[in-house]
Amino acid sequence: MWLYDPQGVMRFYPCPLEVLGDFIPARLKVYEERKRFMMAELSCKAELIRNKVAFIDLVVTGKMSLGGILAAGTAEALRGHGIKRKADIDKLKYIPLAARGKGDSPEGVASEESGGDEVVAAANAPATHKGYEYLLSMHFWSI
């Protein structure tokens, strides 16, 4: 049978096993890429949930009071308790192979070597409430 091979070239395959032999490695690469994407998405969601749980715990136990504090003070307090900003969590998201450059990490997320300066700069940057809106917009009457 005549079929296109993984490189897009028309080729004659005498039996179905040869078709499988050519296409299995190509499909495995796609499956690995999809797995990396799904794991990165789940990691982002898990980190968001961890931060929400920590924030709710701080408010419920009285370790952090939101009344009478300016937004910038709230952001500093959240940072002091080790709660991450949304932008920091979004850095965990997966970058597809097609969008990556040659020097990017194979996992599709920022590596410590390449993003070390950005992490230090983010830690020294003044905290604003914009990065914590995912926490501050929660309905507190429900907790």
C-alpha atoms as a PDB file:
ATOM      1  CA  MET A   1       0.000   0.000   0.000  1.00  0.00           C
ATOM      2  CA  TRP A   2       1.164   3.538  -0.740  1.00  0.00           C
ATOM      3  CA  LEU A   3       1.128   5.940   2.205  1.00  0.00           C
ATOM      4  CA  TYR A   4       2.845   9.097   3.350  1.00  0.00           C
ATOM      5  CA  ASP A   5       5.636   8.445   5.820  1.00  0.00           C
ATOM      6  CA  PRO A   6       6.193  10.635   8.925  1.00  0.00           C
ATOM      7  CA  GLN A   7       8.324  13.043   6.846  1.00  0.00           C
ATOM      8  CA  GLY A   8       5.466  13.523   4.354  1.00  0.00           C
ATOM      9  CA  VAL A   9       7.013  11.538   1.505  1.00  0.00           C
ATOM     10  CA  MET A  10       4.913   9.013  -0.434  1.00  0.00           C
ATOM     11  CA  ARG A  11       6.259   5.502   0.193  1.00  0.00           C
ATOM     12  CA  PHE A  12       5.263   1.937  -0.526  1.00  0.00           C
ATOM     13  CA  TYR A  13       4.613  -0.229   2.548  1.00  0.00           C
ATOM     14  CA  PRO A  14       4.404  -3.973   1.795  1.00  0.00           C
ATOM     15  CA  CYS A  15       2.727  -4.828   5.113  1.00  0.00           C
ATOM     16  CA  PRO A  16       0.944  -3.078   7.996  1.00  0.00           C
ATOM     17  CA  LEU A  17       3.788  -3.873  10.420  1.00  0.00           C
ATOM     18  CA  GLU A  18       6.135  -1.606   8.451  1.00  0.00           C
ATOM     19  CA  VAL A  19       3.583   1.207   8.715  1.00  0.00           C
ATOM     20  CA  LEU A  20       3.533   0.730  12.481  1.00  0.00           C
ATOM     21  CA  GLY A  21       7.324   0.617  12.594  1.00  0.00           C
ATOM     22  CA  ASP A  22       7.524   4.030  10.923  1.00  0.00           C
ATOM     23  CA  PHE A  23       4.721   5.771  12.774  1.00  0.00           C
ATOM     24  CA  ILE A  24       5.117   4.545  16.361  1.00  0.00           C
ATOM     25  CA  PRO A  25       8.226   6.686  17.079  1.00  0.00           C
ATOM     26  CA  ALA A  26       6.493   9.753  15.597  1.00  0.00           C
ATOM     27  CA  ARG A  27       3.373   9.200  17.698  1.00  0.00           C
ATOM     28  CA  LEU A  28       5.422   8.617  20.859  1.00  0.00           C
ATOM     29  CA  LYS A  29       6.970  12.082  20.462  1.00  0.00           C
ATOM     30  CA  VAL A  30       3.502  13.610  20.229  1.00  0.00           C
ATOM     31  CA  TYR A  31       2.318  11.670  23.283  1.00  0.00           C
ATOM     32  CA  GLU A  32       5.368  12.800  25.292  1.00  0.00           C
ATOM     33  CA  GLU A  33       4.725  16.415  24.289  1.00  0.00           C
ATOM     34  CA  ARG A  34       1.091  16.113  25.350  1.00  0.00           C
ATOM     35  CA  LYS A  35       2.075  14.543  28.674  1.00  0.00           C
ATOM     36  CA  ARG A  36       4.478  17.435  29.402  1.00  0.00           C
ATOM     37  CA  PHE A  37       1.715  19.916  28.588  1.00  0.00           C
ATOM     38  CA  MET A  38      -0.820  18.180  30.826  1.00  0.00           C
ATOM     39  CA  MET A  39       1.649  17.818  33.712  1.00  0.00           C
ATOM     40  CA  ALA A  40       2.546  21.521  33.536  1.00  0.00           C
ATOM     41  CA  GLU A  41      -1.134  22.513  33.516  1.00  0.00           C
ATOM     42  CA  LEU A  42      -1.836  20.300  36.514  1.00  0.00           C
ATOM     43  CA  SER A  43       1.205  21.710  38.330  1.00  0.00           C
ATOM     44  CA  CYS A  44      -0.104  25.246  37.818  1.00  0.00           C
ATOM     45  CA  LYS A  45      -3.548  24.286  39.095  1.00  0.00           C
ATOM     46  CA  ALA A  46      -2.064  22.486  42.110  1.00  0.00           C
ATOM     47  CA  GLU A  47       0.109  25.497  42.980  1.00  0.00           C
ATOM     48  CA  LEU A  48      -2.917  27.809  42.757  1.00  0.00           C
ATOM     49  CA  ILE A  49      -4.886  25.528  45.070  1.00  0.00           C
ATOM     50  CA  ARG A  50      -1.950  25.305  47.530  1.00  0.00           C
ATOM     51  CA  ASN A  51      -1.768  29.092  47.663  1.00  0.00           C
ATOM     52  CA  LYS A  52      -5.528  29.435  48.136  1.00  0.00           C
ATOM     53  CA  VAL A  53      -5.484  26.916  50.983  1.00  0.00           C
ATOM     54  CA  ALA A  54      -2.571  28.716  52.646  1.00  0.00           C
ATOM     55  CA  PHE A  55      -4.336  32.072  52.255  1.00  0.00           C
ATOM     56  CA  ILE A  56      -7.606  30.772  53.695  1.00  0.00           C
ATOM     57  CA  ASP A  57      -5.674  29.220  56.574  1.00  0.00           C
ATOM     58  CA  LEU A  58      -3.987  32.560  57.311  1.00  0.00           C
ATOM     59  CA  VAL A  59      -7.322  34.398  57.333  1.00  0.00           C
ATOM     60  CA  VAL A  60      -9.252  31.781  59.328  1.00  0.00           C
ATOM     61  CA  THR A  61      -6.580  31.317  61.988  1.00  0.00           C
ATOM     62  CA  GLY A  62      -6.225  35.086  62.379  1.00  0.00           C
ATOM     63  CA  LYS A  63      -2.566  35.190  61.355  1.00  0.00           C
ATOM     64  CA  MET A  64      -3.521  37.696  58.676  1.00  0.00           C
ATOM     65  CA  SER A  65      -6.240  40.299  58.865  1.00  0.00           C
ATOM     66  CA  LEU A  66      -7.521  41.959  55.717  1.00  0.00           C
ATOM     67  CA  GLY A  67      -9.420  44.763  57.420  1.00  0.00           C
ATOM     68  CA  GLY A  68      -7.832  48.215  57.395  1.00  0.00           C
ATOM     69  CA  ILE A  69      -4.792  47.193  55.345  1.00  0.00           C
ATOM     70  CA  LEU A  70      -3.985  48.881  52.053  1.00  0.00           C
ATOM     71  CA  ALA A  71      -3.622  46.701  48.978  1.00  0.00           C
ATOM     72  CA  ALA A  72       0.160  47.153  48.887  1.00  0.00           C
ATOM     73  CA  GLY A  73       0.405  46.135  52.554  1.00  0.00           C
ATOM     74  CA  THR A  74      -1.683  43.063  51.859  1.00  0.00           C
ATOM     75  CA  ALA A  75       0.595  42.106  48.982  1.00  0.00           C
ATOM     76  CA  GLU A  76       3.688  42.496  51.181  1.00  0.00           C
ATOM     77  CA  ALA A  77       2.069  40.382  53.913  1.00  0.00           C
ATOM     78  CA  LEU A  78       1.172  37.649  51.431  1.00  0.00           C
ATOM     79  CA  ARG A  79       4.700  37.649  50.042  1.00  0.00           C
ATOM     80  CA  GLY A  80       6.042  37.463  53.593  1.00  0.00           C
ATOM     81  CA  HIS A  81       3.987  34.316  54.192  1.00  0.00           C
ATOM     82  CA  GLY A  82       5.458  32.700  51.067  1.00  0.00           C
ATOM     83  CA  ILE A  83       2.371  32.903  48.889  1.00  0.00           C
ATOM     84  CA  LYS A  84       3.209  33.238  45.194  1.00  0.00           C
ATOM     85  CA  ARG A  85       1.870  35.813  42.757  1.00  0.00           C
ATOM     86  CA  LYS A  86      -0.193  34.637  39.780  1.00  0.00           C
ATOM     87  CA  ALA A  87       2.595  35.662  37.384  1.00  0.00           C
ATOM     88  CA  ASP A  88       5.061  33.435  39.249  1.00  0.00           C
ATOM     89  CA  ILE A  89       2.691  30.496  38.990  1.00  0.00           C
ATOM     90  CA  ASP A  90       2.071  31.163  35.293  1.00  0.00           C
ATOM     91  CA  LYS A  91       5.804  30.720  34.652  1.00  0.00           C
ATOM     92  CA  LEU A  92       5.265  27.010  35.328  1.00  0.00           C
ATOM     93  CA  LYS A  93       3.119  26.710  32.201  1.00  0.00           C
ATOM     94  CA  TYR A  94       4.323  24.617  29.311  1.00  0.00           C
ATOM     95  CA  ILE A  95       5.855  26.137  26.197  1.00  0.00           C
ATOM     96  CA  PRO A  96       5.189  23.946  23.126  1.00  0.00           C
ATOM     97  CA  LEU A  97       8.123  22.684  21.057  1.00  0.00           C
ATOM     98  CA  ALA A  98       7.156  24.842  18.091  1.00  0.00           C
ATOM     99  CA  ALA A  99       7.269  28.032  20.190  1.00  0.00           C
ATOM    100  CA  ARG A 100      10.582  27.265  21.916  1.00  0.00           C
ATOM    101  CA  GLY A 101      13.961  28.541  20.826  1.00  0.00           C
ATOM    102  CA  LYS A 102      17.110  26.446  20.591  1.00  0.00           C
ATOM    103  CA  GLY A 103      18.367  27.476  24.034  1.00  0.00           C
ATOM    104  CA  ASP A 104      15.171  26.775  25.940  1.00  0.00           C
ATOM    105  CA  SER A 105      14.934  23.917  28.378  1.00  0.00           C
ATOM    106  CA  PRO A 106      13.662  20.572  27.081  1.00  0.00           C
ATOM    107  CA  GLU A 107      10.842  20.465  29.598  1.00  0.00           C
ATOM    108  CA  GLY A 108       9.241  23.602  28.185  1.00  0.00           C
ATOM    109  CA  VAL A 109       9.349  25.521  31.439  1.00  0.00           C
ATOM    110  CA  ALA A 110      11.919  28.037  32.558  1.00  0.00           C
ATOM    111  CA  SER A 111      15.010  26.382  33.959  1.00  0.00           C
ATOM    112  CA  GLU A 112      16.796  27.635  37.038  1.00  0.00           C
ATOM    113  CA  GLU A 113      19.897  28.418  34.983  1.00  0.00           C
ATOM    114  CA  SER A 114      18.135  30.549  32.392  1.00  0.00           C
ATOM    115  CA  GLY A 115      15.595  32.191  34.675  1.00  0.00           C
ATOM    116  CA  GLY A 116      17.691  32.725  37.778  1.00  0.00           C
ATOM    117  CA  ASP A 117      18.088  36.462  37.194  1.00  0.00           C
ATOM    118  CA  GLU A 118      14.344  36.846  36.646  1.00  0.00           C
ATOM    119  CA  VAL A 119      13.584  35.064  39.921  1.00  0.00           C
ATOM    120  CA  VAL A 120      15.951  37.331  41.864  1.00  0.00           C
ATOM    121  CA  ALA A 121      14.502  40.429  40.170  1.00  0.00           C
ATOM    122  CA  ALA A 122      10.950  39.281  40.949  1.00  0.00           C
ATOM    123  CA  ALA A 123      11.847  38.677  44.596  1.00  0.00           C
ATOM    124  CA  ASN A 124      13.302  42.182  44.908  1.00  0.00           C
ATOM    125  CA  ALA A 125      10.473  43.905  43.017  1.00  0.00           C
ATOM    126  CA  PRO A 126       7.879  45.752  45.081  1.00  0.00           C
ATOM    127  CA  ALA A 127       4.793  43.660  45.764  1.00  0.00           C
ATOM    128  CA  THR A 128       1.549  44.907  44.278  1.00  0.00           C
ATOM    129  CA  HIS A 129      -1.930  43.605  44.872  1.00  0.00           C
ATOM    130  CA  LYS A 130      -2.382  42.924  41.124  1.00  0.00           C
ATOM    131  CA  GLY A 131      -0.459  39.660  41.375  1.00  0.00           C
ATOM    132  CA  TYR A 132      -2.665  38.490  44.242  1.00  0.00           C
ATOM    133  CA  GLU A 133      -6.068  39.284  42.770  1.00  0.00           C
ATOM    134  CA  TYR A 134      -6.776  35.574  42.392  1.00  0.00           C
ATOM    135  CA  LEU A 135      -6.751  35.422  46.207  1.00  0.00           C
ATOM    136  CA  LEU A 136      -8.165  38.821  47.109  1.00  0.00           C
ATOM    137  CA  SER A 137     -11.161  38.353  44.787  1.00  0.00           C
ATOM    138  CA  MET A 138     -12.318  35.248  46.690  1.00  0.00           C
ATOM    139  CA  HIS A 139     -15.675  35.567  48.432  1.00  0.00           C
ATOM    140  CA  PHE A 140     -14.880  35.606  52.130  1.00  0.00           C
ATOM    141  CA  TRP A 141     -18.466  35.285  53.258  1.00  0.00           C
ATOM    142  CA  SER A 142     -18.302  31.670  52.132  1.00  0.00           C
ATOM    143  CA  ILE A 143     -15.376  30.696  54.411  1.00  0.00           C
END
